[in-house]
């Protein structure tokens, strides 16, 4: 949703600064409502990321949430890693060619086959509904720890929907 620091623009912080940031994120979480969302589509980006694009059916607007987080985390990188209005999930990142292909893949180009797989995935999971009910404050001790199952400390804050 929002990065207080990321692998492109690392923002070092002391223990007391980290605690202050976590408390600021907690305060934001108490002021926003859970999001009911529907998966609109899955796309394969040119960089090999399989992305789920979501529509917000109800709850706080992601733009509003990000603005509140921007205000709460003033040292966060100005350049975030995504468009502010887009709500997405990165499902996977293709890092290379698979060691083997199914027989049907030999009949078309690799790119065409991948697009066909994405189309099949869309047909299966488009319309999936979910509820976002918490914000996470994640301290990553390894680069991209959340994505790569590295060392991290995770704090979860329930969305409170108060009028703060």
Protein backbone atom coordinates (compact mmCIF):
# COMPACT_ATOMS: atom_id res chain seq x y z
CA UNK A 1 0.00 0.00 0.00
CA UNK A 2 2.82 2.39 0.96
CA UNK A 3 6.55 2.04 1.58
CA UNK A 4 8.23 3.95 4.43
CA UNK A 5 11.48 2.74 2.88
CA UNK A 6 12.27 0.46 -0.04
CA UNK A 7 15.15 -1.23 -1.82
CA UNK A 8 15.61 1.67 -4.25
CA UNK A 9 15.52 4.46 -1.66
CA UNK A 10 16.45 3.05 1.72
CA UNK A 11 15.48 5.20 4.69
CA UNK A 12 17.62 4.33 7.72
CA UNK A 13 15.87 4.66 11.09
CA UNK A 14 16.83 4.28 14.73
CA UNK A 15 14.85 2.04 17.10
CA UNK A 16 13.00 5.08 18.47
CA UNK A 17 12.18 6.29 14.94
CA UNK A 18 10.90 2.82 14.04
CA UNK A 19 8.65 2.79 17.11
CA UNK A 20 7.35 6.27 16.23
CA UNK A 21 6.62 5.13 12.66
CA UNK A 22 4.83 1.99 13.85
CA UNK A 23 2.70 4.09 16.21
CA UNK A 24 1.91 6.49 13.36
CA UNK A 25 0.80 3.58 11.15
CA UNK A 26 -1.34 2.27 14.03
CA UNK A 27 -3.03 5.68 14.28
CA UNK A 28 -3.73 5.67 10.53
CA UNK A 29 -5.15 2.14 10.74
CA UNK A 30 -7.61 3.25 13.42
CA UNK A 31 -8.94 6.00 11.14
CA UNK A 32 -9.59 3.96 7.99
CA UNK A 33 -12.27 1.43 7.12
CA UNK A 34 -11.76 -2.13 5.89
CA UNK A 35 -11.76 -2.42 2.11
CA UNK A 36 -14.01 -4.89 0.34
CA UNK A 37 -12.31 -5.58 -2.98
CA UNK A 38 -12.90 -7.61 -6.14
CA UNK A 39 -10.16 -8.95 -8.42
CA UNK A 40 -10.66 -7.22 -11.76
CA UNK A 41 -7.90 -8.92 -13.73
CA UNK A 42 -4.45 -10.46 -13.68
CA UNK A 43 -1.75 -9.08 -15.96
CA UNK A 44 1.81 -10.08 -16.76
CA UNK A 45 3.99 -6.97 -16.84
CA UNK A 46 6.90 -6.44 -19.22
CA UNK A 47 9.27 -7.04 -16.29
CA UNK A 48 7.82 -10.49 -15.59
CA UNK A 49 5.59 -9.67 -12.61
CA UNK A 50 2.20 -11.36 -12.39
CA UNK A 51 -0.04 -8.64 -10.94
CA UNK A 52 -3.61 -8.83 -9.68
CA UNK A 53 -5.51 -5.57 -10.18
CA UNK A 54 -8.32 -4.95 -7.68
CA UNK A 55 -11.43 -2.77 -7.66
CA UNK A 56 -12.55 -1.29 -4.34
CA UNK A 57 -16.22 -2.05 -3.73
CA UNK A 58 -16.44 -0.30 -0.34
CA UNK A 59 -14.25 1.08 2.41
CA UNK A 60 -11.57 3.73 2.49
CA UNK A 61 -10.17 4.89 -0.84
CA UNK A 62 -6.57 3.68 -1.37
CA UNK A 63 -5.56 7.21 -2.45
CA UNK A 64 -6.80 8.53 0.91
CA UNK A 65 -5.03 5.75 2.80
CA UNK A 66 -1.77 6.45 0.99
CA UNK A 67 -2.08 10.18 1.67
CA UNK A 68 -2.62 9.52 5.38
CA UNK A 69 0.41 7.22 5.40
CA UNK A 70 2.46 9.85 3.52
CA UNK A 71 1.54 12.39 6.22
CA UNK A 72 2.28 9.89 9.01
CA UNK A 73 5.64 8.86 7.51
CA UNK A 74 7.22 12.13 6.35
CA UNK A 75 10.67 10.58 5.74
CA UNK A 76 9.30 7.94 3.36
CA UNK A 77 10.60 7.99 -0.22
CA UNK A 78 8.76 10.53 -2.34
CA UNK A 79 8.87 8.09 -5.26
CA UNK A 80 6.73 5.09 -4.38
CA UNK A 81 6.85 1.82 -6.33
CA UNK A 82 3.41 2.02 -7.94
CA UNK A 83 0.70 4.37 -9.13
CA UNK A 84 -1.15 5.94 -6.18
CA UNK A 85 -4.61 5.00 -7.48
CA UNK A 86 -3.80 1.38 -8.30
CA UNK A 87 -4.58 -1.35 -5.78
CA UNK A 88 -2.65 -4.45 -6.74
CA UNK A 89 -1.12 -7.68 -5.51
CA UNK A 90 2.11 -9.06 -6.93
CA UNK A 91 1.38 -12.78 -7.22
CA UNK A 92 4.70 -13.88 -8.69
CA UNK A 93 7.81 -12.76 -10.51
CA UNK A 94 9.17 -14.78 -13.41
CA UNK A 95 12.91 -14.87 -12.95
CA UNK A 96 13.86 -17.07 -15.87
CA UNK A 97 12.78 -19.75 -18.27
CA UNK A 98 11.32 -22.91 -16.75
CA UNK A 99 13.50 -26.00 -16.99
CA UNK A 100 10.75 -27.82 -18.87
CA UNK A 101 7.61 -26.85 -20.76
CA UNK A 102 4.32 -28.71 -21.17
CA UNK A 103 3.85 -30.29 -24.60
CA UNK A 104 1.28 -27.65 -25.60
CA UNK A 105 3.89 -24.90 -25.10
CA UNK A 106 6.01 -26.27 -27.93
CA UNK A 107 3.34 -25.26 -30.46
CA UNK A 108 3.58 -21.50 -29.81
CA UNK A 109 6.16 -18.94 -28.72
CA UNK A 110 7.07 -18.70 -25.03
CA UNK A 111 5.42 -15.28 -24.81
CA UNK A 112 2.21 -16.51 -26.43
CA UNK A 113 2.14 -19.46 -24.06
CA UNK A 114 2.62 -17.22 -21.01
CA UNK A 115 -0.20 -14.95 -22.21
CA UNK A 116 -2.43 -18.01 -22.61
CA UNK A 117 -1.62 -19.09 -19.05
CA UNK A 118 -2.46 -15.60 -17.76
CA UNK A 119 -5.75 -15.72 -19.68
CA UNK A 120 -6.60 -19.08 -18.10
CA UNK A 121 -5.73 -17.74 -14.67
CA UNK A 122 -7.97 -14.71 -15.28
CA UNK A 123 -10.86 -16.98 -16.22
CA UNK A 124 -10.43 -18.92 -12.98
CA UNK A 125 -9.90 -16.16 -10.42
CA UNK A 126 -11.38 -12.96 -11.87
CA UNK A 127 -14.17 -11.78 -9.59
CA UNK A 128 -12.56 -13.17 -6.43
CA UNK A 129 -13.64 -11.08 -3.46
CA UNK A 130 -11.52 -10.23 -0.43
CA UNK A 131 -11.52 -7.93 2.56
CA UNK A 132 -8.48 -5.91 3.60
CA UNK A 133 -8.87 -5.53 7.35
CA UNK A 134 -5.39 -4.56 8.54
CA UNK A 135 -2.32 -2.49 7.75
CA UNK A 136 1.10 -4.05 8.17
CA UNK A 137 4.22 -2.31 9.37
CA UNK A 138 7.11 -4.48 8.23
CA UNK A 139 10.74 -4.07 9.25
CA UNK A 140 12.79 -5.94 6.65
CA UNK A 141 16.22 -7.04 7.81
CA UNK A 142 17.03 -8.46 4.35
CA UNK A 143 16.46 -6.71 1.02
CA UNK A 144 13.01 -7.66 -0.32
CA UNK A 145 12.48 -9.86 2.75
CA UNK A 146 8.69 -9.81 2.45
CA UNK A 147 8.85 -10.99 -1.16
CA UNK A 148 11.69 -13.47 -0.70
CA UNK A 149 10.82 -14.91 2.73
CA UNK A 150 13.74 -13.16 4.38
CA UNK A 151 14.20 -11.94 7.93
CA UNK A 152 11.62 -9.39 9.04
CA UNK A 153 9.52 -8.14 11.92
CA UNK A 154 5.82 -7.81 11.12
CA UNK A 155 3.28 -5.73 13.05
CA UNK A 156 -0.39 -5.95 12.08
CA UNK A 157 -2.85 -3.18 12.86
CA UNK A 158 -6.61 -3.72 12.51
CA UNK A 159 -8.51 -1.12 10.51
CA UNK A 160 -10.79 0.71 12.94
CA UNK A 161 -13.02 2.94 10.81
CA UNK A 162 -13.12 5.73 13.42
CA UNK A 163 -13.64 9.37 12.52
CA UNK A 164 -10.21 10.52 13.76
